[in-house]
Amino acid sequence: MMAMEKRSAARELAFLALFQLPQKSENINIDKLSKMDLDAICLSAIRTLADHSKDNIKSAEAFFIKAERAVMEHQVNHEANEALDEATRSVELPQTEDFIEHLNNCYQAIALMREGLQLPEVYWHYHDEATKEFALDLIFKYVNNREEVASLIKDVSKSWKAERIQKTERKLIELGITELVASDLAHSVVVSETIKLANKYSTEEGIKFINGILADVIKILQDH
């Protein structure tokens, strides 16, 4: 992998591993973290991704079941089948907002299941030593700059409560701000890489939210 590709893979590894860290800074033992085996970090990340994939499959299943029930109900209640006692004829589905929504949900379900298929590829990337080193360095920076990152989030959250941010979006924001304050990457690169990661793990609304928060943080950093 090229350097930037390794950084991208390392960023994803670090992001996934963050979910396995204690939520409170005072509960994180820096000495213990510094001695943490890189394979253990990879295992933590893989567990997080596996949990994410399982949740996606459950969501996908729910979408398909809901759509199937809607189709069956429409077919059974259709006027073409009113006089039939048992078997039902296939009927044309209506082009209503409800059915279009069901169709879109099925497409979303397929996308969610596709994400789960990425697990073997991600695992393969994490066997690269340079990638794991990048990830470990980023995790150290995350822990060592956690207070400053929390302060910046608070500074740009005047109109809403920071604790209301969804966990996934919060980790993406925290990791992005960590790189803004503690790495040598250009701000535009950090934002681009964070949004790239958000495209995989967040929603369209979440991506816009993350982008807005990072933009506000950059303004604060530039003013200082």
Protein backbone atom coordinates (compact mmCIF):
# COMPACT_ATOMS: atom_id res chain seq x y z
CA MET A 1 0.00 0.00 0.00
CA MET A 2 1.08 3.56 -0.65
CA ALA A 3 1.69 5.90 2.32
CA MET A 4 -1.72 7.60 2.07
CA GLU A 5 -3.49 4.24 1.68
CA LYS A 6 -1.72 3.01 4.80
CA ARG A 7 -2.78 6.14 6.66
CA SER A 8 -6.38 5.60 5.56
CA ALA A 9 -6.31 1.97 6.70
CA ALA A 10 -4.61 3.00 9.96
CA ARG A 11 -7.22 5.69 10.55
CA GLU A 12 -10.00 3.13 10.19
CA LEU A 13 -8.17 0.73 12.50
CA ALA A 14 -7.74 3.47 15.12
CA PHE A 15 -11.38 4.56 14.76
CA LEU A 16 -12.65 1.03 15.33
CA ALA A 17 -10.29 0.48 18.26
CA LEU A 18 -11.54 3.66 20.00
CA PHE A 19 -14.82 1.93 20.77
CA GLN A 20 -12.91 -0.52 22.97
CA LEU A 21 -11.27 2.19 25.09
CA PRO A 22 -12.79 3.34 28.42
CA GLN A 23 -15.15 6.28 27.91
CA LYS A 24 -13.59 8.37 30.69
CA SER A 25 -10.05 9.69 30.27
CA GLU A 26 -9.13 8.97 33.87
CA ASN A 27 -9.83 5.28 33.27
CA ILE A 28 -7.26 5.03 30.47
CA ASN A 29 -3.87 3.81 31.63
CA ILE A 30 -1.30 5.42 29.30
CA ASP A 31 1.50 3.06 30.38
CA LYS A 32 -0.67 0.04 29.74
CA LEU A 33 -1.83 1.45 26.42
CA SER A 34 1.75 2.10 25.31
CA LYS A 35 2.56 -1.56 25.92
CA MET A 36 -0.57 -2.80 24.22
CA ASP A 37 0.15 -5.46 21.64
CA LEU A 38 -0.63 -4.27 18.12
CA ASP A 39 -2.44 -7.50 17.40
CA ALA A 40 -4.67 -6.84 20.40
CA ILE A 41 -5.60 -3.47 18.91
CA CYS A 42 -6.38 -5.16 15.61
CA LEU A 43 -8.54 -7.69 17.41
CA SER A 44 -10.43 -4.88 19.17
CA ALA A 45 -11.01 -3.17 15.84
CA ILE A 46 -12.17 -6.36 14.16
CA ARG A 47 -14.62 -7.02 17.02
CA THR A 48 -16.06 -3.53 16.61
CA LEU A 49 -16.40 -3.99 12.86
CA ALA A 50 -17.97 -7.42 13.35
CA ASP A 51 -20.54 -5.92 15.76
CA HIS A 52 -21.22 -3.16 13.23
CA SER A 53 -21.75 -5.76 10.50
CA LYS A 54 -24.12 -7.78 12.71
CA ASP A 55 -26.18 -4.66 13.41
CA ASN A 56 -26.28 -3.92 9.68
CA ILE A 57 -27.53 -7.42 8.90
CA LYS A 58 -30.30 -7.06 11.51
CA SER A 59 -31.31 -3.72 10.02
CA ALA A 60 -31.23 -5.16 6.50
CA GLU A 61 -33.39 -8.10 7.57
CA ALA A 62 -35.93 -5.73 9.14
CA PHE A 63 -36.10 -3.69 5.92
CA PHE A 64 -36.72 -6.78 3.78
CA ILE A 65 -39.37 -8.19 6.14
CA LYS A 66 -41.24 -4.89 6.22
CA ALA A 67 -41.15 -4.63 2.43
CA GLU A 68 -42.28 -8.26 2.00
CA ARG A 69 -45.25 -7.74 4.32
CA ALA A 70 -46.28 -4.59 2.48
CA VAL A 71 -46.16 -6.39 -0.89
CA MET A 72 -48.12 -9.38 0.41
CA GLU A 73 -50.76 -7.18 2.01
CA HIS A 74 -51.20 -5.17 -1.19
CA GLN A 75 -51.45 -8.34 -3.27
CA VAL A 76 -53.98 -10.06 -1.01
CA ASN A 77 -56.20 -6.99 -0.72
CA HIS A 78 -56.04 -6.11 -4.41
CA GLU A 79 -59.36 -6.15 -6.25
CA ALA A 80 -58.05 -8.74 -8.72
CA ASN A 81 -57.79 -11.22 -5.85
CA GLU A 82 -61.00 -10.44 -4.00
CA ALA A 83 -62.92 -13.34 -5.52
CA LEU A 84 -60.15 -15.89 -5.02
CA ASP A 85 -60.36 -18.25 -2.03
CA GLU A 86 -56.76 -19.45 -1.83
CA ALA A 87 -54.04 -18.60 -4.35
CA THR A 88 -53.48 -15.00 -5.34
CA ARG A 89 -52.50 -13.53 -8.67
CA SER A 90 -49.45 -11.34 -9.04
CA VAL A 91 -50.48 -7.72 -9.35
CA GLU A 92 -48.69 -4.54 -10.33
CA LEU A 93 -47.27 -2.62 -7.39
CA PRO A 94 -48.45 0.94 -6.96
CA GLN A 95 -46.03 3.84 -7.50
CA THR A 96 -46.88 5.40 -4.15
CA GLU A 97 -44.51 7.10 -1.74
CA ASP A 98 -44.87 4.21 0.70
CA PHE A 99 -43.79 1.58 -1.82
CA ILE A 100 -41.00 3.74 -3.19
CA GLU A 101 -39.77 4.06 0.39
CA HIS A 102 -39.88 0.27 0.78
CA LEU A 103 -37.87 -0.10 -2.43
CA ASN A 104 -35.30 2.43 -1.27
CA ASN A 105 -35.06 0.61 2.06
CA CYS A 106 -34.28 -2.61 0.19
CA TYR A 107 -31.46 -0.86 -1.66
CA GLN A 108 -30.20 0.42 1.68
CA ALA A 109 -30.40 -3.10 3.11
CA ILE A 110 -28.23 -4.40 0.25
CA ALA A 111 -25.69 -1.63 0.94
CA LEU A 112 -25.64 -2.53 4.63
CA MET A 113 -25.02 -6.19 3.85
CA ARG A 114 -22.28 -5.23 1.38
CA GLU A 115 -20.46 -3.45 4.21
CA GLY A 116 -20.33 -6.69 6.15
CA LEU A 117 -18.52 -8.35 3.25
CA GLN A 118 -15.64 -5.88 3.72
CA LEU A 119 -14.59 -7.54 6.97
CA PRO A 120 -12.08 -9.99 5.40
CA GLU A 121 -10.48 -7.18 3.35
CA VAL A 122 -10.14 -4.95 6.40
CA TYR A 123 -8.60 -7.82 8.35
CA TRP A 124 -6.05 -8.38 5.57
CA HIS A 125 -5.00 -4.70 5.60
CA TYR A 126 -4.47 -4.78 9.35
CA HIS A 127 -1.71 -7.36 9.04
CA ASP A 128 0.54 -4.66 7.59
CA GLU A 129 3.00 -3.57 10.30
CA ALA A 130 3.31 0.03 9.07
CA THR A 131 -0.48 0.37 9.11
CA LYS A 132 -0.66 -0.90 12.69
CA GLU A 133 2.14 1.48 13.74
CA PHE A 134 0.26 4.43 12.20
CA ALA A 135 -2.89 3.34 14.02
CA LEU A 136 -1.16 3.00 17.39
CA ASP A 137 0.41 6.46 16.99
CA LEU A 138 -3.01 7.95 16.22
CA ILE A 139 -4.55 6.25 19.25
CA PHE A 140 -1.80 7.72 21.46
CA LYS A 141 -2.51 11.16 20.05
CA TYR A 142 -6.22 10.66 20.64
CA VAL A 143 -5.66 9.80 24.31
CA ASN A 144 -3.05 12.49 24.94
CA ASN A 145 -5.18 15.24 23.36
CA ARG A 146 -8.56 14.12 24.63
CA GLU A 147 -9.10 17.12 26.90
CA GLU A 148 -8.29 19.65 24.17
CA VAL A 149 -10.52 17.80 21.73
CA ALA A 150 -13.39 17.76 24.22
CA SER A 151 -12.91 21.47 24.83
CA LEU A 152 -13.05 22.25 21.10
CA ILE A 153 -16.21 20.19 20.70
CA LYS A 154 -17.76 22.13 23.57
CA ASP A 155 -16.74 25.44 21.97
CA VAL A 156 -18.58 24.64 18.74
CA SER A 157 -21.62 23.08 20.39
CA LYS A 158 -23.34 26.18 21.76
CA SER A 159 -26.65 25.42 20.04
CA TRP A 160 -26.92 21.75 20.97
CA LYS A 161 -25.86 19.36 23.70
CA ALA A 162 -22.63 17.52 22.92
CA GLU A 163 -23.86 14.41 24.73
CA ARG A 164 -26.67 14.07 22.18
CA ILE A 165 -24.20 13.25 19.39
CA GLN A 166 -24.49 9.64 18.27
CA LYS A 167 -21.57 7.48 19.39
CA THR A 168 -20.28 6.74 15.89
CA GLU A 169 -20.38 10.37 14.81
CA ARG A 170 -18.74 11.45 18.06
CA LYS A 171 -15.80 9.08 17.56
CA LEU A 172 -15.36 10.29 13.99
CA ILE A 173 -15.42 13.91 15.15
CA GLU A 174 -12.99 13.23 18.01
CA LEU A 175 -10.57 11.41 15.74
CA GLY A 176 -10.80 14.12 13.08
CA ILE A 177 -10.15 16.90 15.60
CA THR A 178 -7.26 14.88 17.04
CA GLU A 179 -5.58 14.94 13.65
CA LEU A 180 -6.36 18.64 13.23
CA VAL A 181 -4.52 19.51 16.44
CA ALA A 182 -1.84 16.83 16.63
CA SER A 183 -0.76 15.81 13.14
CA ASP A 184 1.22 17.40 10.33
CA LEU A 185 -1.52 16.81 7.78
CA ALA A 186 -3.19 19.77 6.07
CA HIS A 187 -6.63 20.59 7.45
CA SER A 188 -8.24 19.88 4.09
CA VAL A 189 -6.69 16.40 4.02
CA VAL A 190 -7.89 15.63 7.54
CA VAL A 191 -11.45 16.69 6.68
CA SER A 192 -11.37 14.70 3.43
CA GLU A 193 -10.10 11.55 5.15
CA THR A 194 -12.59 11.88 8.01
CA ILE A 195 -15.52 12.27 5.60
CA LYS A 196 -14.21 9.30 3.63
CA LEU A 197 -14.43 7.23 6.81
CA ALA A 198 -17.84 8.73 7.67
CA ASN A 199 -19.16 7.64 4.26
CA LYS A 200 -18.57 4.08 5.39
CA TYR A 201 -19.84 4.24 8.96
CA SER A 202 -22.23 7.19 9.24
CA THR A 203 -25.39 8.45 7.56
CA GLU A 204 -25.89 11.25 5.03
CA GLU A 205 -27.14 13.50 7.81
CA GLY A 206 -24.25 12.47 10.06
CA ILE A 207 -21.71 13.26 7.34
CA LYS A 208 -23.05 16.80 6.96
CA PHE A 209 -22.97 17.22 10.73
CA ILE A 210 -19.37 15.98 11.01
CA ASN A 211 -18.25 18.20 8.14
CA GLY A 212 -19.84 21.23 9.80
CA ILE A 213 -18.22 20.54 13.18
CA LEU A 214 -14.77 20.11 11.66
CA ALA A 215 -15.19 23.32 9.66
CA ASP A 216 -16.06 25.22 12.85
CA VAL A 217 -13.08 23.74 14.68
CA ILE A 218 -10.74 24.73 11.85
CA LYS A 219 -11.97 28.33 12.12
CA ILE A 220 -11.14 28.33 15.84
CA LEU A 221 -7.68 26.87 15.21
CA GLN A 222 -6.94 29.40 12.47
CA ASP A 223 -8.02 32.31 14.70
CA HIS A 224 -5.50 31.19 17.28
